[in-house]
């Protein structure tokens, strides 16, 4: 196996970045959708349990759409808040970084692009972009902007969850 690794070289995982997030989201949605369909099929097959499987399948379909984004936003918000309160560096929300950290990321790419491998370059670009955003808005305001993005994601997908449960009986 080590010989094969030496021939192939180091590979980046396909579960990194935006592509990885989409794959994880679609995998989670697929699991909940299939399990919801299995509950529907069980209710169709055995009419005695249909009373329980029908609302459960509606719950699983609502979870298919909204559970992964809510949990992801919640965990990012928790990690970011913990790092902020500890006084350390915190990871910025991707939207904030993309909107306001492009200059810093481009500067890191221009300065270090030829010296670093792809994963290290992305980390350097992210760090330089985060530094540029914090320099522009200040640490507290940057934290509040990122916090607002994560809370908006939680609330938005929470509304989608409730709407799907409210629409399901019709």
C-alpha atoms as a PDB file:
ATOM      1  CA  UNK A   1       0.000   0.000   0.000  1.00  0.00           C
ATOM      2  CA  UNK A   2       2.825   2.389   0.797  1.00  0.00           C
ATOM      3  CA  UNK A   3       4.365   1.712  -2.620  1.00  0.00           C
ATOM      4  CA  UNK A   4       1.066   2.587  -4.269  1.00  0.00           C
ATOM      5  CA  UNK A   5       0.867   5.777  -2.174  1.00  0.00           C
ATOM      6  CA  UNK A   6       4.397   6.687  -3.278  1.00  0.00           C
ATOM      7  CA  UNK A   7       3.484   6.209  -6.953  1.00  0.00           C
ATOM      8  CA  UNK A   8       0.179   8.069  -6.775  1.00  0.00           C
ATOM      9  CA  UNK A   9       1.373  10.783  -4.423  1.00  0.00           C
ATOM     10  CA  UNK A  10      -0.612  12.797  -1.945  1.00  0.00           C
ATOM     11  CA  UNK A  11      -4.197  13.380  -2.979  1.00  0.00           C
ATOM     12  CA  UNK A  12      -6.616  15.954  -1.725  1.00  0.00           C
ATOM     13  CA  UNK A  13      -9.837  14.612  -0.310  1.00  0.00           C
ATOM     14  CA  UNK A  14     -12.959  15.263  -2.332  1.00  0.00           C
ATOM     15  CA  UNK A  15     -14.704  16.150   0.920  1.00  0.00           C
ATOM     16  CA  UNK A  16     -12.987  19.519   1.343  1.00  0.00           C
ATOM     17  CA  UNK A  17     -14.235  22.968   0.470  1.00  0.00           C
ATOM     18  CA  UNK A  18     -17.543  23.796  -1.150  1.00  0.00           C
ATOM     19  CA  UNK A  19     -17.635  20.548  -3.107  1.00  0.00           C
ATOM     20  CA  UNK A  20     -17.249  18.575   0.115  1.00  0.00           C
ATOM     21  CA  UNK A  21     -19.979  20.544   1.831  1.00  0.00           C
ATOM     22  CA  UNK A  22     -22.353  19.912  -1.057  1.00  0.00           C
ATOM     23  CA  UNK A  23     -21.518  16.202  -1.095  1.00  0.00           C
ATOM     24  CA  UNK A  24     -22.121  15.897   2.645  1.00  0.00           C
ATOM     25  CA  UNK A  25     -25.379  17.839   2.378  1.00  0.00           C
ATOM     26  CA  UNK A  26     -26.630  15.746  -0.528  1.00  0.00           C
ATOM     27  CA  UNK A  27     -25.598  12.538   1.248  1.00  0.00           C
ATOM     28  CA  UNK A  28     -27.512  13.542   4.360  1.00  0.00           C
ATOM     29  CA  UNK A  29     -30.548  14.588   2.320  1.00  0.00           C
ATOM     30  CA  UNK A  30     -30.415  11.317   0.370  1.00  0.00           C
ATOM     31  CA  UNK A  31     -30.300   9.262   3.580  1.00  0.00           C
ATOM     32  CA  UNK A  32     -33.282  11.042   5.128  1.00  0.00           C
ATOM     33  CA  UNK A  33     -35.265  10.917   1.881  1.00  0.00           C
ATOM     34  CA  UNK A  34     -34.692   7.188   1.419  1.00  0.00           C
ATOM     35  CA  UNK A  35     -35.521   6.483   5.054  1.00  0.00           C
ATOM     36  CA  UNK A  36     -38.690   8.601   4.729  1.00  0.00           C
ATOM     37  CA  UNK A  37     -39.679   6.610   1.642  1.00  0.00           C
ATOM     38  CA  UNK A  38     -39.070   3.368   3.529  1.00  0.00           C
ATOM     39  CA  UNK A  39     -41.417   4.607   6.251  1.00  0.00           C
ATOM     40  CA  UNK A  40     -44.059   5.436   3.646  1.00  0.00           C
ATOM     41  CA  UNK A  41     -43.668   1.976   2.110  1.00  0.00           C
ATOM     42  CA  UNK A  42     -43.979   0.337   5.531  1.00  0.00           C
ATOM     43  CA  UNK A  43     -47.155   2.310   6.196  1.00  0.00           C
ATOM     44  CA  UNK A  44     -48.570   1.274   2.820  1.00  0.00           C
ATOM     45  CA  UNK A  45     -47.745  -2.360   3.475  1.00  0.00           C
ATOM     46  CA  UNK A  46     -48.928  -2.552   7.091  1.00  0.00           C
ATOM     47  CA  UNK A  47     -51.945  -0.332   7.660  1.00  0.00           C
ATOM     48  CA  UNK A  48     -51.731  -0.722  11.439  1.00  0.00           C
ATOM     49  CA  UNK A  49     -48.491   1.259  11.643  1.00  0.00           C
ATOM     50  CA  UNK A  50     -49.516   3.826   8.999  1.00  0.00           C
ATOM     51  CA  UNK A  51     -50.694   6.151  11.768  1.00  0.00           C
ATOM     52  CA  UNK A  52     -47.121   6.374  13.054  1.00  0.00           C
ATOM     53  CA  UNK A  53     -45.192   6.125   9.789  1.00  0.00           C
ATOM     54  CA  UNK A  54     -47.015   8.944   8.004  1.00  0.00           C
ATOM     55  CA  UNK A  55     -45.964  11.749  10.409  1.00  0.00           C
ATOM     56  CA  UNK A  56     -42.518  10.191  10.801  1.00  0.00           C
ATOM     57  CA  UNK A  57     -41.978  10.197   7.045  1.00  0.00           C
ATOM     58  CA  UNK A  58     -43.047  13.859   6.921  1.00  0.00           C
ATOM     59  CA  UNK A  59     -40.515  14.594   9.662  1.00  0.00           C
ATOM     60  CA  UNK A  60     -37.755  12.762   7.768  1.00  0.00           C
ATOM     61  CA  UNK A  61     -38.530  14.654   4.543  1.00  0.00           C
ATOM     62  CA  UNK A  62     -38.343  17.972   6.424  1.00  0.00           C
ATOM     63  CA  UNK A  63     -35.058  16.863   8.000  1.00  0.00           C
ATOM     64  CA  UNK A  64     -33.704  15.950   4.554  1.00  0.00           C
ATOM     65  CA  UNK A  65     -33.832  19.578   3.517  1.00  0.00           C
ATOM     66  CA  UNK A  66     -32.950  21.446   6.679  1.00  0.00           C
ATOM     67  CA  UNK A  67     -31.141  19.335   9.264  1.00  0.00           C
ATOM     68  CA  UNK A  68     -27.635  19.433   7.769  1.00  0.00           C
ATOM     69  CA  UNK A  69     -27.528  23.231   7.182  1.00  0.00           C
ATOM     70  CA  UNK A  70     -28.908  23.959  10.660  1.00  0.00           C
ATOM     71  CA  UNK A  71     -26.402  21.633  12.356  1.00  0.00           C
ATOM     72  CA  UNK A  72     -23.531  22.982  10.258  1.00  0.00           C
ATOM     73  CA  UNK A  73     -24.378  26.609  11.024  1.00  0.00           C
ATOM     74  CA  UNK A  74     -24.830  25.751  14.702  1.00  0.00           C
ATOM     75  CA  UNK A  75     -21.449  24.006  14.964  1.00  0.00           C
ATOM     76  CA  UNK A  76     -19.635  26.805  13.079  1.00  0.00           C
ATOM     77  CA  UNK A  77     -21.290  29.386  15.314  1.00  0.00           C
ATOM     78  CA  UNK A  78     -20.345  27.450  18.467  1.00  0.00           C
ATOM     79  CA  UNK A  79     -16.693  27.032  17.407  1.00  0.00           C
ATOM     80  CA  UNK A  80     -16.449  30.641  16.316  1.00  0.00           C
ATOM     81  CA  UNK A  81     -18.020  31.934  19.549  1.00  0.00           C
ATOM     82  CA  UNK A  82     -15.742  29.791  21.683  1.00  0.00           C
ATOM     83  CA  UNK A  83     -12.630  31.019  19.870  1.00  0.00           C
ATOM     84  CA  UNK A  84     -13.835  34.633  20.008  1.00  0.00           C
ATOM     85  CA  UNK A  85     -14.499  34.487  23.754  1.00  0.00           C
ATOM     86  CA  UNK A  86     -11.133  32.822  24.347  1.00  0.00           C
ATOM     87  CA  UNK A  87      -9.473  35.728  22.561  1.00  0.00           C
ATOM     88  CA  UNK A  88      -8.054  33.557  19.794  1.00  0.00           C
ATOM     89  CA  UNK A  89      -8.443  33.673  16.053  1.00  0.00           C
ATOM     90  CA  UNK A  90     -11.826  32.519  14.801  1.00  0.00           C
ATOM     91  CA  UNK A  91     -12.838  31.201  11.412  1.00  0.00           C
ATOM     92  CA  UNK A  92     -14.876  33.671   9.425  1.00  0.00           C
ATOM     93  CA  UNK A  93     -18.105  32.804   7.657  1.00  0.00           C
ATOM     94  CA  UNK A  94     -17.396  32.002   4.020  1.00  0.00           C
ATOM     95  CA  UNK A  95     -19.727  34.713   2.734  1.00  0.00           C
ATOM     96  CA  UNK A  96     -17.976  37.413   4.777  1.00  0.00           C
ATOM     97  CA  UNK A  97     -14.589  36.139   3.673  1.00  0.00           C
ATOM     98  CA  UNK A  98     -15.654  36.062   0.018  1.00  0.00           C
ATOM     99  CA  UNK A  99     -17.169  39.545   0.135  1.00  0.00           C
ATOM    100  CA  UNK A 100     -14.483  41.400   2.056  1.00  0.00           C
ATOM    101  CA  UNK A 101     -11.346  39.256   2.115  1.00  0.00           C
ATOM    102  CA  UNK A 102     -10.562  38.919  -1.581  1.00  0.00           C
ATOM    103  CA  UNK A 103      -7.740  41.438  -1.597  1.00  0.00           C
ATOM    104  CA  UNK A 104      -5.922  39.694   1.238  1.00  0.00           C
ATOM    105  CA  UNK A 105      -6.409  36.286  -0.341  1.00  0.00           C
ATOM    106  CA  UNK A 106      -5.155  37.550  -3.701  1.00  0.00           C
ATOM    107  CA  UNK A 107      -2.119  39.086  -2.014  1.00  0.00           C
ATOM    108  CA  UNK A 108      -1.303  35.769  -0.287  1.00  0.00           C
ATOM    109  CA  UNK A 109      -1.726  33.901  -3.573  1.00  0.00           C
ATOM    110  CA  UNK A 110       0.579  36.294  -5.398  1.00  0.00           C
ATOM    111  CA  UNK A 111       3.245  36.213  -2.697  1.00  0.00           C
ATOM    112  CA  UNK A 112       3.151  32.543  -1.708  1.00  0.00           C
ATOM    113  CA  UNK A 113       1.501  30.786  -4.660  1.00  0.00           C
ATOM    114  CA  UNK A 114       4.680  29.373  -6.112  1.00  0.00           C
ATOM    115  CA  UNK A 115       6.064  28.179  -2.777  1.00  0.00           C
ATOM    116  CA  UNK A 116       3.085  26.358  -1.248  1.00  0.00           C
ATOM    117  CA  UNK A 117       1.074  23.284  -2.196  1.00  0.00           C
ATOM    118  CA  UNK A 118      -2.638  23.690  -2.833  1.00  0.00           C
ATOM    119  CA  UNK A 119      -3.928  22.918   0.683  1.00  0.00           C
ATOM    120  CA  UNK A 120      -1.300  25.142   2.299  1.00  0.00           C
ATOM    121  CA  UNK A 121      -1.996  27.909  -0.196  1.00  0.00           C
ATOM    122  CA  UNK A 122      -5.731  27.796   0.509  1.00  0.00           C
ATOM    123  CA  UNK A 123      -5.022  28.019   4.244  1.00  0.00           C
ATOM    124  CA  UNK A 124      -2.678  30.964   3.701  1.00  0.00           C
ATOM    125  CA  UNK A 125      -5.208  32.719   1.459  1.00  0.00           C
ATOM    126  CA  UNK A 126      -7.947  32.142   4.047  1.00  0.00           C
ATOM    127  CA  UNK A 127      -5.762  33.459   6.864  1.00  0.00           C
ATOM    128  CA  UNK A 128      -4.669  36.532   4.919  1.00  0.00           C
ATOM    129  CA  UNK A 129      -8.250  37.208   3.835  1.00  0.00           C
ATOM    130  CA  UNK A 130      -9.474  36.904   7.431  1.00  0.00           C
ATOM    131  CA  UNK A 131      -6.753  39.299   8.570  1.00  0.00           C
ATOM    132  CA  UNK A 132      -7.822  41.806   5.913  1.00  0.00           C
ATOM    133  CA  UNK A 133     -11.476  41.608   7.006  1.00  0.00           C
ATOM    134  CA  UNK A 134     -10.583  42.027  10.678  1.00  0.00           C
ATOM    135  CA  UNK A 135      -8.294  44.952   9.826  1.00  0.00           C
ATOM    136  CA  UNK A 136     -11.119  46.578   7.869  1.00  0.00           C
ATOM    137  CA  UNK A 137     -14.012  46.077  10.303  1.00  0.00           C
ATOM    138  CA  UNK A 138     -12.382  45.275  13.628  1.00  0.00           C
ATOM    139  CA  UNK A 139     -12.573  42.032  15.569  1.00  0.00           C
ATOM    140  CA  UNK A 140     -15.903  42.698  17.291  1.00  0.00           C
ATOM    141  CA  UNK A 141     -17.764  43.870  14.198  1.00  0.00           C
ATOM    142  CA  UNK A 142     -16.388  40.992  12.123  1.00  0.00           C
ATOM    143  CA  UNK A 143     -17.563  38.542  14.777  1.00  0.00           C
ATOM    144  CA  UNK A 144     -21.050  40.101  14.832  1.00  0.00           C
ATOM    145  CA  UNK A 145     -21.270  39.963  11.013  1.00  0.00           C
ATOM    146  CA  UNK A 146     -20.309  36.278  10.973  1.00  0.00           C
ATOM    147  CA  UNK A 147     -22.665  35.567  13.858  1.00  0.00           C
ATOM    148  CA  UNK A 148     -25.514  37.225  11.936  1.00  0.00           C
ATOM    149  CA  UNK A 149     -24.794  35.070   8.870  1.00  0.00           C
ATOM    150  CA  UNK A 150     -24.886  31.842  10.889  1.00  0.00           C
ATOM    151  CA  UNK A 151     -28.020  32.870  12.795  1.00  0.00           C
ATOM    152  CA  UNK A 152     -29.724  33.813   9.525  1.00  0.00           C
ATOM    153  CA  UNK A 153     -28.883  30.350   8.166  1.00  0.00           C
ATOM    154  CA  UNK A 154     -30.296  28.662  11.264  1.00  0.00           C
ATOM    155  CA  UNK A 155     -33.474  30.749  11.217  1.00  0.00           C
ATOM    156  CA  UNK A 156     -33.926  30.399   7.447  1.00  0.00           C
ATOM    157  CA  UNK A 157     -33.618  26.631   7.404  1.00  0.00           C
ATOM    158  CA  UNK A 158     -35.682  26.427  10.610  1.00  0.00           C
ATOM    159  CA  UNK A 159     -38.478  28.222   8.766  1.00  0.00           C
ATOM    160  CA  UNK A 160     -38.116  25.790   5.859  1.00  0.00           C
ATOM    161  CA  UNK A 161     -38.356  22.881   8.317  1.00  0.00           C
ATOM    162  CA  UNK A 162     -41.537  24.234   9.942  1.00  0.00           C
ATOM    163  CA  UNK A 163     -43.048  25.085   6.545  1.00  0.00           C
ATOM    164  CA  UNK A 164     -42.444  21.562   5.266  1.00  0.00           C
ATOM    165  CA  UNK A 165     -44.101  20.091   8.343  1.00  0.00           C
ATOM    166  CA  UNK A 166     -47.049  22.476   8.003  1.00  0.00           C
ATOM    167  CA  UNK A 167     -47.497  21.733   4.281  1.00  0.00           C
ATOM    168  CA  UNK A 168     -47.055  17.933   4.617  1.00  0.00           C
ATOM    169  CA  UNK A 169     -50.621  17.080   5.763  1.00  0.00           C
ATOM    170  CA  UNK A 170     -52.116  18.822   2.717  1.00  0.00           C
END
